[in-house]
Amino acid sequence: MQESCNYRISVKGIVINNDGRILLTREGKAWEMPGGGLDHGEDPADGLKREIQEETGLTVTRVLAAPKYFVTWQEKGVWRANVIYQVELADLNFTPSEECQELRFLSVEEMGQIQLYPNVQKLYELLTK
């Protein structure tokens, strides 16, 4: 019997500051990238702008045309995939929500010292290869 090849797809934004630090959002005790689930038929850039606005109140001013990273992992028996686009934001004046209590720019080294969501852990592994 063949295992299902379906993935839950999310689009995530990676914001990198001038010091090479990556913007992460804290959700509960773990750190995540801004973004979320892509609706069926939705343009990835539109979905990313929508998700970041909903979760943080931030406005995305630019989404690079091609994804920068792609990660997959299995969580609770479900395969998941993140398409990660580099984005630029109008500002960092976010509105806290259940999905984003804090924003912080972190170095790759700092990412290795905190609790990360599985997708961000996969990104961390890519960045440290």
Protein backbone atom coordinates (compact mmCIF):
# COMPACT_ATOMS: atom_id res chain seq x y z
CA MET A 1 0.00 0.00 0.00
CA GLN A 2 1.37 3.41 -1.00
CA GLU A 3 1.57 6.18 1.60
CA SER A 4 -0.46 9.31 0.85
CA CYS A 5 1.54 11.98 -0.98
CA ASN A 6 -0.61 14.93 0.09
CA TYR A 7 0.93 17.85 1.95
CA ARG A 8 -0.63 20.68 3.94
CA ILE A 9 0.91 23.75 2.24
CA SER A 10 1.71 26.98 4.06
CA VAL A 11 3.43 30.10 2.81
CA LYS A 12 5.86 31.76 5.17
CA GLY A 13 7.72 35.03 5.05
CA ILE A 14 11.38 35.40 5.88
CA VAL A 15 12.49 38.91 6.80
CA ILE A 16 16.25 39.37 7.04
CA ASN A 17 17.61 42.60 8.52
CA ASN A 18 20.88 44.32 7.62
CA ASP A 19 22.73 42.27 10.27
CA GLY A 20 21.55 38.98 8.72
CA ARG A 21 19.12 38.28 11.54
CA ILE A 22 15.81 36.59 10.79
CA LEU A 23 12.45 37.85 12.06
CA LEU A 24 10.51 35.25 14.04
CA THR A 25 7.19 35.44 15.85
CA ARG A 26 6.53 33.90 19.24
CA GLU A 27 3.40 31.80 19.51
CA GLY A 28 3.11 30.43 23.03
CA LYS A 29 6.48 28.99 24.04
CA ALA A 30 7.85 28.38 20.53
CA TRP A 31 9.04 30.58 17.68
CA GLU A 32 7.53 30.56 14.20
CA MET A 33 7.86 32.39 10.88
CA PRO A 34 5.09 34.79 9.89
CA GLY A 35 2.58 33.40 7.42
CA GLY A 36 0.14 30.54 7.25
CA GLY A 37 -2.07 28.22 5.25
CA LEU A 38 -2.60 28.84 1.57
CA ASP A 39 -6.24 28.76 0.50
CA HIS A 40 -7.17 26.63 -2.53
CA GLY A 41 -6.51 28.59 -5.72
CA GLU A 42 -4.93 31.50 -3.86
CA ASP A 43 -1.88 33.26 -5.28
CA PRO A 44 1.04 32.55 -2.88
CA ALA A 45 2.03 36.23 -2.58
CA ASP A 46 -1.58 37.24 -1.87
CA GLY A 47 -1.93 34.45 0.68
CA LEU A 48 1.29 35.46 2.41
CA LYS A 49 0.23 39.11 2.61
CA ARG A 50 -3.18 38.07 3.97
CA GLU A 51 -1.77 35.69 6.59
CA ILE A 52 0.84 38.14 7.87
CA GLN A 53 -1.78 40.90 8.10
CA GLU A 54 -4.21 38.61 9.96
CA GLU A 55 -1.64 37.28 12.43
CA THR A 56 0.44 40.39 13.11
CA GLY A 57 -1.32 43.44 11.69
CA LEU A 58 1.80 44.10 9.61
CA THR A 59 1.72 45.15 5.97
CA VAL A 60 3.88 43.31 3.45
CA THR A 61 5.25 45.76 0.88
CA ARG A 62 7.19 43.26 -1.22
CA VAL A 63 7.27 39.51 -1.82
CA LEU A 64 10.18 38.28 -3.92
CA ALA A 65 8.93 36.40 -6.99
CA ALA A 66 10.62 33.04 -6.30
CA PRO A 67 10.65 31.12 -3.02
CA LYS A 68 13.90 31.29 -1.04
CA TYR A 69 13.46 28.00 0.88
CA PHE A 70 11.21 24.95 0.88
CA VAL A 71 10.92 22.63 3.89
CA THR A 72 8.87 19.52 4.62
CA TRP A 73 8.29 17.54 7.83
CA GLN A 74 5.81 15.15 9.36
CA GLU A 75 3.80 16.24 12.37
CA LYS A 76 1.19 14.07 14.09
CA GLY A 77 1.02 11.80 11.05
CA VAL A 78 0.43 14.66 8.60
CA TRP A 79 3.05 15.73 6.06
CA ARG A 80 3.46 19.48 5.90
CA ALA A 81 5.31 21.79 3.53
CA ASN A 82 6.34 25.42 3.83
CA VAL A 83 7.14 27.55 0.82
CA ILE A 84 9.26 30.37 2.25
CA TYR A 85 9.43 33.71 0.43
CA GLN A 86 11.65 36.63 1.34
CA VAL A 87 9.44 39.60 2.17
CA GLU A 88 9.74 43.23 3.14
CA LEU A 89 7.45 44.92 5.66
CA ALA A 90 6.21 48.52 5.88
CA ASP A 91 7.21 48.64 9.56
CA LEU A 92 7.41 46.46 12.68
CA ASN A 93 4.49 48.00 14.59
CA PHE A 94 2.64 44.74 15.09
CA THR A 95 -0.62 44.01 16.85
CA PRO A 96 -0.28 41.05 19.27
CA SER A 97 -2.64 38.12 18.66
CA GLU A 98 -3.00 34.46 19.69
CA GLU A 99 -0.69 33.58 16.80
CA CYS A 100 1.88 36.30 17.48
CA GLN A 101 2.70 37.54 20.97
CA GLU A 102 6.16 38.89 20.13
CA LEU A 103 8.45 39.70 17.19
CA ARG A 104 12.21 39.33 17.41
CA PHE A 105 15.14 39.35 15.00
CA LEU A 106 17.40 36.40 15.81
CA SER A 107 20.74 35.22 14.50
CA VAL A 108 21.03 31.67 13.25
CA GLU A 109 23.08 30.87 16.37
CA GLU A 110 20.31 32.24 18.62
CA MET A 111 17.74 30.16 16.74
CA GLY A 112 19.63 27.05 17.84
CA GLN A 113 19.15 27.99 21.51
CA ILE A 114 15.38 28.46 21.66
CA GLN A 115 12.27 26.36 21.13
CA LEU A 116 11.29 26.42 17.45
CA TYR A 117 8.25 25.09 15.65
CA PRO A 118 9.17 22.02 13.55
CA ASN A 119 9.16 24.00 10.29
CA VAL A 120 11.51 26.62 11.72
CA GLN A 121 13.72 23.82 13.06
CA LYS A 122 13.94 22.49 9.48
CA LEU A 123 14.87 25.97 8.23
CA TYR A 124 17.50 26.21 10.99
CA GLU A 125 18.96 22.89 9.84
CA LEU A 126 19.17 24.19 6.26
CA LEU A 127 20.88 27.38 7.41
CA THR A 128 23.50 25.50 9.46
CA LYS A 129 24.52 22.99 6.78
